[in-house]
Amino acid sequence: MGTCATCGNRYDKSFDVTRDGKTLTFDSFECAIQALAPTCCVCSCRIIGHGLEANGQYFCCDHCAEKHGIEGLRDRL
C-alpha cells in the first residue's frame, strides 16, 4: 500500500511515476497531474495535453501564448 505524494492518502491501488530519476507514488491521476503537470504562464491552468512552449515558458493554448506576446506557435505535427 503506497502513500500519495500529493495528498498523503494511503491506497492499495497506488501507482508510481518516475521522472528525471525520481519516483513518486500517487493514489490518483488527479494527484499526479497536480504534482507533475506544468502550468500555463498566462492563466495558470494545468497543462495535461500537449500544450505549447516558447522561450522556456509553457502555454495551454495559442490564445494564451498570443496574450503573452508570442505569435506563430502551433501544436507539433
PDB file of N, CA and C in Angstrom:
ATOM      1  N   MET A   1       0.852  -1.180   0.000  1.00  0.00           N
ATOM      2  CA  MET A   1       0.000   0.000   0.000  1.00  0.00           C
ATOM      3  C   MET A   1       0.892   1.235   0.000  1.00  0.00           C
ATOM      4  N   GLY A   2       0.679   2.097  -0.985  1.00  0.00           N
ATOM      5  CA  GLY A   2       1.502   3.291  -1.096  1.00  0.00           C
ATOM      6  C   GLY A   2       0.823   4.522  -0.519  1.00  0.00           C
ATOM      7  N   THR A   3       1.638   5.525  -0.240  1.00  0.00           N
ATOM      8  CA  THR A   3       1.148   6.801   0.270  1.00  0.00           C
ATOM      9  C   THR A   3       1.328   7.858  -0.815  1.00  0.00           C
ATOM     10  N   CYS A   4       0.259   8.572  -1.130  1.00  0.00           N
ATOM     11  CA  CYS A   4       0.271   9.568  -2.191  1.00  0.00           C
ATOM     12  C   CYS A   4       1.187  10.743  -1.840  1.00  0.00           C
ATOM     13  N   ALA A   5       2.064  11.094  -2.785  1.00  0.00           N
ATOM     14  CA  ALA A   5       2.991  12.212  -2.587  1.00  0.00           C
ATOM     15  C   ALA A   5       2.285  13.561  -2.561  1.00  0.00           C
ATOM     16  N   THR A   6       1.072  13.651  -3.111  1.00  0.00           N
ATOM     17  CA  THR A   6       0.341  14.916  -3.156  1.00  0.00           C
ATOM     18  C   THR A   6      -0.569  15.101  -1.950  1.00  0.00           C
ATOM     19  N   CYS A   7      -1.404  14.106  -1.664  1.00  0.00           N
ATOM     20  CA  CYS A   7      -2.418  14.290  -0.617  1.00  0.00           C
ATOM     21  C   CYS A   7      -2.168  13.470   0.648  1.00  0.00           C
ATOM     22  N   GLY A   8      -1.238  12.536   0.601  1.00  0.00           N
ATOM     23  CA  GLY A   8      -0.927  11.739   1.781  1.00  0.00           C
ATOM     24  C   GLY A   8      -1.834  10.540   2.010  1.00  0.00           C
ATOM     25  N   ASN A   9      -2.794  10.322   1.122  1.00  0.00           N
ATOM     26  CA  ASN A   9      -3.704   9.190   1.270  1.00  0.00           C
ATOM     27  C   ASN A   9      -2.958   7.874   1.063  1.00  0.00           C
ATOM     28  N   ARG A  10      -3.240   6.898   1.921  1.00  0.00           N
ATOM     29  CA  ARG A  10      -2.703   5.547   1.740  1.00  0.00           C
ATOM     30  C   ARG A  10      -3.744   4.756   0.960  1.00  0.00           C
ATOM     31  N   TYR A  11      -3.297   4.100  -0.129  1.00  0.00           N
ATOM     32  CA  TYR A  11      -4.245   3.482  -1.042  1.00  0.00           C
ATOM     33  C   TYR A  11      -3.656   2.180  -1.580  1.00  0.00           C
ATOM     34  N   ASP A  12      -4.476   1.140  -1.612  1.00  0.00           N
ATOM     35  CA  ASP A  12      -3.974  -0.167  -2.057  1.00  0.00           C
ATOM     36  C   ASP A  12      -3.789  -0.254  -3.570  1.00  0.00           C
ATOM     37  N   LYS A  13      -4.306   0.705  -4.315  1.00  0.00           N
ATOM     38  CA  LYS A  13      -4.148   0.718  -5.766  1.00  0.00           C
ATOM     39  C   LYS A  13      -3.296   1.912  -6.221  1.00  0.00           C
ATOM     40  N   SER A  14      -2.378   2.319  -5.377  1.00  0.00           N
ATOM     41  CA  SER A  14      -1.497   3.434  -5.734  1.00  0.00           C
ATOM     42  C   SER A  14      -0.574   3.013  -6.882  1.00  0.00           C
ATOM     43  N   PHE A  15       0.041   3.999  -7.511  1.00  0.00           N
ATOM     44  CA  PHE A  15       0.969   3.726  -8.611  1.00  0.00           C
ATOM     45  C   PHE A  15       2.150   4.691  -8.524  1.00  0.00           C
ATOM     46  N   ASP A  16       3.239   4.290  -9.140  1.00  0.00           N
ATOM     47  CA  ASP A  16       4.459   5.098  -9.129  1.00  0.00           C
ATOM     48  C   ASP A  16       4.696   5.723 -10.495  1.00  0.00           C
ATOM     49  N   VAL A  17       5.244   6.936 -10.476  1.00  0.00           N
ATOM     50  CA  VAL A  17       5.666   7.616 -11.691  1.00  0.00           C
ATOM     51  C   VAL A  17       7.120   8.004 -11.482  1.00  0.00           C
ATOM     52  N   THR A  18       7.957   7.652 -12.452  1.00  0.00           N
ATOM     53  CA  THR A  18       9.375   8.019 -12.390  1.00  0.00           C
ATOM     54  C   THR A  18       9.648   9.059 -13.461  1.00  0.00           C
ATOM     55  N   ARG A  19      10.230  10.167 -13.040  1.00  0.00           N
ATOM     56  CA  ARG A  19      10.568  11.260 -13.962  1.00  0.00           C
ATOM     57  C   ARG A  19      11.884  11.863 -13.511  1.00  0.00           C
ATOM     58  N   ASP A  20      12.793  12.017 -14.447  1.00  0.00           N
ATOM     59  CA  ASP A  20      14.120  12.581 -14.152  1.00  0.00           C
ATOM     60  C   ASP A  20      14.810  11.824 -13.021  1.00  0.00           C
ATOM     61  N   GLY A  21      14.620  10.507 -12.983  1.00  0.00           N
ATOM     62  CA  GLY A  21      15.278   9.674 -11.988  1.00  0.00           C
ATOM     63  C   GLY A  21      14.640   9.682 -10.613  1.00  0.00           C
ATOM     64  N   LYS A  22      13.557  10.418 -10.429  1.00  0.00           N
ATOM     65  CA  LYS A  22      12.876  10.489  -9.138  1.00  0.00           C
ATOM     66  C   LYS A  22      11.523   9.791  -9.241  1.00  0.00           C
ATOM     67  N   THR A  23      11.232   8.901  -8.307  1.00  0.00           N
ATOM     68  CA  THR A  23       9.976   8.167  -8.306  1.00  0.00           C
ATOM     69  C   THR A  23       9.040   8.707  -7.236  1.00  0.00           C
ATOM     70  N   LEU A  24       7.795   8.994  -7.650  1.00  0.00           N
ATOM     71  CA  LEU A  24       6.767   9.466  -6.733  1.00  0.00           C
ATOM     72  C   LEU A  24       5.586   8.501  -6.780  1.00  0.00           C
ATOM     73  N   THR A  25       4.894   8.364  -5.663  1.00  0.00           N
ATOM     74  CA  THR A  25       3.725   7.492  -5.560  1.00  0.00           C
ATOM     75  C   THR A  25       2.475   8.359  -5.503  1.00  0.00           C
ATOM     76  N   PHE A  26       1.424   7.921  -6.237  1.00  0.00           N
ATOM     77  CA  PHE A  26       0.168   8.663  -6.271  1.00  0.00           C
ATOM     78  C   PHE A  26      -1.003   7.711  -6.085  1.00  0.00           C
ATOM     79  N   ASP A  27      -2.104   8.258  -5.573  1.00  0.00           N
ATOM     80  CA  ASP A  27      -3.320   7.456  -5.415  1.00  0.00           C
ATOM     81  C   ASP A  27      -4.318   7.713  -6.529  1.00  0.00           C
ATOM     82  N   SER A  28      -4.081   8.733  -7.365  1.00  0.00           N
ATOM     83  CA  SER A  28      -4.995   9.055  -8.462  1.00  0.00           C
ATOM     84  C   SER A  28      -4.255   9.854  -9.525  1.00  0.00           C
ATOM     85  N   PHE A  29      -4.817   9.849 -10.735  1.00  0.00           N
ATOM     86  CA  PHE A  29      -4.247  10.686 -11.791  1.00  0.00           C
ATOM     87  C   PHE A  29      -4.388  12.151 -11.435  1.00  0.00           C
ATOM     88  N   GLU A  30      -5.448  12.512 -10.734  1.00  0.00           N
ATOM     89  CA  GLU A  30      -5.648  13.900 -10.318  1.00  0.00           C
ATOM     90  C   GLU A  30      -4.463  14.394  -9.488  1.00  0.00           C
ATOM     91  N   CYS A  31      -4.034  13.603  -8.536  1.00  0.00           N
ATOM     92  CA  CYS A  31      -2.889  13.997  -7.704  1.00  0.00           C
ATOM     93  C   CYS A  31      -1.588  14.010  -8.507  1.00  0.00           C
ATOM     94  N   ALA A  32      -1.438  13.071  -9.432  1.00  0.00           N
ATOM     95  CA  ALA A  32      -0.244  13.051 -10.280  1.00  0.00           C
ATOM     96  C   ALA A  32      -0.182  14.307 -11.147  1.00  0.00           C
ATOM     97  N   ILE A  33      -1.307  14.704 -11.699  1.00  0.00           N
ATOM     98  CA  ILE A  33      -1.365  15.913 -12.521  1.00  0.00           C
ATOM     99  C   ILE A  33      -0.993  17.138 -11.695  1.00  0.00           C
ATOM    100  N   GLN A  34      -1.523  17.243 -10.485  1.00  0.00           N
ATOM    101  CA  GLN A  34      -1.209  18.391  -9.619  1.00  0.00           C
ATOM    102  C   GLN A  34       0.284  18.475  -9.325  1.00  0.00           C
ATOM    103  N   ALA A  35       0.921  17.329  -9.192  1.00  0.00           N
ATOM    104  CA  ALA A  35       2.344  17.315  -8.846  1.00  0.00           C
ATOM    105  C   ALA A  35       3.261  17.463 -10.053  1.00  0.00           C
ATOM    106  N   LEU A  36       2.845  16.961 -11.211  1.00  0.00           N
ATOM    107  CA  LEU A  36       3.774  16.836 -12.328  1.00  0.00           C
ATOM    108  C   LEU A  36       3.487  17.703 -13.545  1.00  0.00           C
ATOM    109  N   ALA A  37       2.242  18.059 -13.778  1.00  0.00           N
ATOM    110  CA  ALA A  37       1.911  18.808 -14.999  1.00  0.00           C
ATOM    111  C   ALA A  37       2.361  20.264 -14.885  1.00  0.00           C
ATOM    112  N   PRO A  38       2.935  20.793 -15.964  1.00  0.00           N
ATOM    113  CA  PRO A  38       3.310  22.212 -15.928  1.00  0.00           C
ATOM    114  C   PRO A  38       2.054  23.084 -15.940  1.00  0.00           C
ATOM    115  N   THR A  39       2.221  24.344 -15.570  1.00  0.00           N
ATOM    116  CA  THR A  39       1.101  25.284 -15.597  1.00  0.00           C
ATOM    117  C   THR A  39       1.336  26.333 -16.676  1.00  0.00           C
ATOM    118  N   CYS A  40       0.243  26.806 -17.248  1.00  0.00           N
ATOM    119  CA  CYS A  40       0.301  27.876 -18.244  1.00  0.00           C
ATOM    120  C   CYS A  40       0.774  29.153 -17.547  1.00  0.00           C
ATOM    121  N   CYS A  41       1.748  29.839 -18.156  1.00  0.00           N
ATOM    122  CA  CYS A  41       2.274  31.057 -17.511  1.00  0.00           C
ATOM    123  C   CYS A  41       1.324  32.237 -17.633  1.00  0.00           C
ATOM    124  N   VAL A  42       0.221  32.091 -18.378  1.00  0.00           N
ATOM    125  CA  VAL A  42      -0.752  33.171 -18.511  1.00  0.00           C
ATOM    126  C   VAL A  42      -1.953  32.938 -17.596  1.00  0.00           C
ATOM    127  N   CYS A  43      -2.592  31.782 -17.726  1.00  0.00           N
ATOM    128  CA  CYS A  43      -3.834  31.552 -16.980  1.00  0.00           C
ATOM    129  C   CYS A  43      -3.671  30.587 -15.807  1.00  0.00           C
ATOM    130  N   SER A  44      -2.503  30.004 -15.653  1.00  0.00           N
ATOM    131  CA  SER A  44      -2.155  29.114 -14.532  1.00  0.00           C
ATOM    132  C   SER A  44      -2.888  27.773 -14.529  1.00  0.00           C
ATOM    133  N   CYS A  45      -3.567  27.414 -15.624  1.00  0.00           N
ATOM    134  CA  CYS A  45      -4.209  26.098 -15.625  1.00  0.00           C
ATOM    135  C   CYS A  45      -3.149  25.014 -15.842  1.00  0.00           C
ATOM    136  N   ARG A  46      -3.430  23.825 -15.354  1.00  0.00           N
ATOM    137  CA  ARG A  46      -2.532  22.693 -15.550  1.00  0.00           C
ATOM    138  C   ARG A  46      -2.601  22.246 -17.000  1.00  0.00           C
ATOM    139  N   ILE A  47      -1.462  22.000 -17.591  1.00  0.00           N
ATOM    140  CA  ILE A  47      -1.401  21.565 -18.981  1.00  0.00           C
ATOM    141  C   ILE A  47      -1.315  20.045 -18.984  1.00  0.00           C
ATOM    142  N   ILE A  48      -2.433  19.407 -19.326  1.00  0.00           N
ATOM    143  CA  ILE A  48      -2.460  17.949 -19.321  1.00  0.00           C
ATOM    144  C   ILE A  48      -2.475  17.382 -20.738  1.00  0.00           C
ATOM    145  N   GLY A  49      -2.479  18.254 -21.732  1.00  0.00           N
ATOM    146  CA  GLY A  49      -2.354  17.840 -23.127  1.00  0.00           C
ATOM    147  C   GLY A  49      -0.955  18.192 -23.607  1.00  0.00           C
ATOM    148  N   HIS A  50      -0.838  18.435 -24.899  1.00  0.00           N
ATOM    149  CA  HIS A  50       0.472  18.749 -25.467  1.00  0.00           C
ATOM    150  C   HIS A  50       0.955  20.131 -25.050  1.00  0.00           C
ATOM    151  N   GLY A  51       0.083  21.101 -25.036  1.00  0.00           N
ATOM    152  CA  GLY A  51       0.485  22.456 -24.687  1.00  0.00           C
ATOM    153  C   GLY A  51       1.460  23.036 -25.696  1.00  0.00           C
ATOM    154  N   LEU A  52       1.955  24.217 -25.405  1.00  0.00           N
ATOM    155  CA  LEU A  52       2.910  24.907 -26.261  1.00  0.00           C
ATOM    156  C   LEU A  52       4.045  25.435 -25.400  1.00  0.00           C
ATOM    157  N   GLU A  53       5.221  25.571 -25.994  1.00  0.00           N
ATOM    158  CA  GLU A  53       6.379  26.054 -25.250  1.00  0.00           C
ATOM    159  C   GLU A  53       7.150  27.053 -26.101  1.00  0.00           C
ATOM    160  N   ALA A  54       7.569  28.149 -25.483  1.00  0.00           N
ATOM    161  CA  ALA A  54       8.395  29.153 -26.158  1.00  0.00           C
ATOM    162  C   ALA A  54       9.255  29.846 -25.112  1.00  0.00           C
ATOM    163  N   ASN A  55      10.508  29.990 -25.410  1.00  0.00           N
ATOM    164  CA  ASN A  55      11.445  30.691 -24.523  1.00  0.00           C
ATOM    165  C   ASN A  55      11.420  30.137 -23.099  1.00  0.00           C
ATOM    166  N   GLY A  56      11.268  28.824 -22.976  1.00  0.00           N
ATOM    167  CA  GLY A  56      11.266  28.195 -21.659  1.00  0.00           C
ATOM    168  C   GLY A  56       9.985  28.372 -20.877  1.00  0.00           C
ATOM    169  N   GLN A  57       8.946  28.919 -21.506  1.00  0.00           N
ATOM    170  CA  GLN A  57       7.659  29.115 -20.847  1.00  0.00           C
ATOM    171  C   GLN A  57       6.622  28.198 -21.488  1.00  0.00           C
ATOM    172  N   TYR A  58       5.653  27.752 -20.681  1.00  0.00           N
ATOM    173  CA  TYR A  58       4.615  26.847 -21.154  1.00  0.00           C
ATOM    174  C   TYR A  58       3.278  27.573 -21.267  1.00  0.00           C
ATOM    175  N   PHE A  59       2.525  27.203 -22.309  1.00  0.00           N
ATOM    176  CA  PHE A  59       1.214  27.782 -22.558  1.00  0.00           C
ATOM    177  C   PHE A  59       0.225  26.655 -22.806  1.00  0.00           C
ATOM    178  N   CYS A  60      -1.000  26.821 -22.321  1.00  0.00           N
ATOM    179  CA  CYS A  60      -2.017  25.795 -22.532  1.00  0.00           C
ATOM    180  C   CYS A  60      -2.584  25.839 -23.944  1.00  0.00           C
ATOM    181  N   CYS A  61      -2.498  27.008 -24.594  1.00  0.00           N
ATOM    182  CA  CYS A  61      -3.087  27.159 -25.931  1.00  0.00           C
ATOM    183  C   CYS A  61      -2.442  28.348 -26.641  1.00  0.00           C
ATOM    184  N   ASP A  62      -2.700  28.423 -27.932  1.00  0.00           N
ATOM    185  CA  ASP A  62      -2.178  29.514 -28.748  1.00  0.00           C
ATOM    186  C   ASP A  62      -2.717  30.868 -28.281  1.00  0.00           C
ATOM    187  N   HIS A  63      -3.978  30.893 -27.818  1.00  0.00           N
ATOM    188  CA  HIS A  63      -4.576  32.143 -27.334  1.00  0.00           C
ATOM    189  C   HIS A  63      -3.750  32.733 -26.183  1.00  0.00           C
ATOM    190  N   CYS A  64      -3.384  31.894 -25.217  1.00  0.00           N
ATOM    191  CA  CYS A  64      -2.586  32.389 -24.084  1.00  0.00           C
ATOM    192  C   CYS A  64      -1.189  32.817 -24.532  1.00  0.00           C
ATOM    193  N   ALA A  65      -0.605  32.085 -25.472  1.00  0.00           N
ATOM    194  CA  ALA A  65       0.712  32.469 -25.986  1.00  0.00           C
ATOM    195  C   ALA A  65       0.633  33.844 -26.642  1.00  0.00           C
ATOM    196  N   GLU A  66      -0.401  34.078 -27.439  1.00  0.00           N
ATOM    197  CA  GLU A  66      -0.556  35.374 -28.090  1.00  0.00           C
ATOM    198  C   GLU A  66      -0.826  36.485 -27.077  1.00  0.00           C
ATOM    199  N   LYS A  67      -1.592  36.198 -26.015  1.00  0.00           N
ATOM    200  CA  LYS A  67      -1.813  37.193 -24.952  1.00  0.00           C
ATOM    201  C   LYS A  67      -0.492  37.585 -24.299  1.00  0.00           C
ATOM    202  N   HIS A  68       0.445  36.655 -24.289  1.00  0.00           N
ATOM    203  CA  HIS A  68       1.759  36.879 -23.685  1.00  0.00           C
ATOM    204  C   HIS A  68       2.731  37.538 -24.673  1.00  0.00           C
ATOM    205  N   GLY A  69       2.247  37.760 -25.920  1.00  0.00           N
ATOM    206  CA  GLY A  69       3.067  38.432 -26.920  1.00  0.00           C
ATOM    207  C   GLY A  69       3.859  37.503 -27.822  1.00  0.00           C
ATOM    208  N   ILE A  70       3.567  36.238 -27.780  1.00  0.00           N
ATOM    209  CA  ILE A  70       4.279  35.271 -28.620  1.00  0.00           C
ATOM    210  C   ILE A  70       3.355  34.854 -29.754  1.00  0.00           C
ATOM    211  N   GLU A  71       3.822  35.022 -30.979  1.00  0.00           N
ATOM    212  CA  GLU A  71       2.990  34.685 -32.140  1.00  0.00           C
ATOM    213  C   GLU A  71       3.623  33.564 -32.948  1.00  0.00           C
ATOM    214  N   GLY A  72       2.772  32.887 -33.712  1.00  0.00           N
ATOM    215  CA  GLY A  72       3.254  31.866 -34.637  1.00  0.00           C
ATOM    216  C   GLY A  72       3.457  30.488 -34.051  1.00  0.00           C
ATOM    217  N   LEU A  73       3.045  30.269 -32.801  1.00  0.00           N
ATOM    218  CA  LEU A  73       3.183  28.928 -32.230  1.00  0.00           C
ATOM    219  C   LEU A  73       2.086  28.038 -32.773  1.00  0.00           C
ATOM    220  N   ARG A  74       2.438  26.796 -32.982  1.00  0.00           N
ATOM    221  CA  ARG A  74       1.461  25.780 -33.407  1.00  0.00           C
ATOM    222  C   ARG A  74       1.787  24.508 -32.669  1.00  0.00           C
ATOM    223  N   ASP A  75       0.773  23.689 -32.516  1.00  0.00           N
ATOM    224  CA  ASP A  75       0.992  22.384 -31.923  1.00  0.00           C
ATOM    225  C   ASP A  75       1.912  21.588 -32.842  1.00  0.00           C
ATOM    226  N   ARG A  76       2.686  20.666 -32.273  1.00  0.00           N
ATOM    227  CA  ARG A  76       3.590  19.846 -33.087  1.00  0.00           C
ATOM    228  C   ARG A  76       2.795  18.973 -34.021  1.00  0.00           C
ATOM    229  N   LEU A  77       3.291  18.823 -35.207  1.00  0.00           N
ATOM    230  CA  LEU A  77       2.621  17.983 -36.203  1.00  0.00           C
ATOM    231  C   LEU A  77       3.188  16.585 -36.160  1.00  0.00           C
TER     232      LEU A  77
END
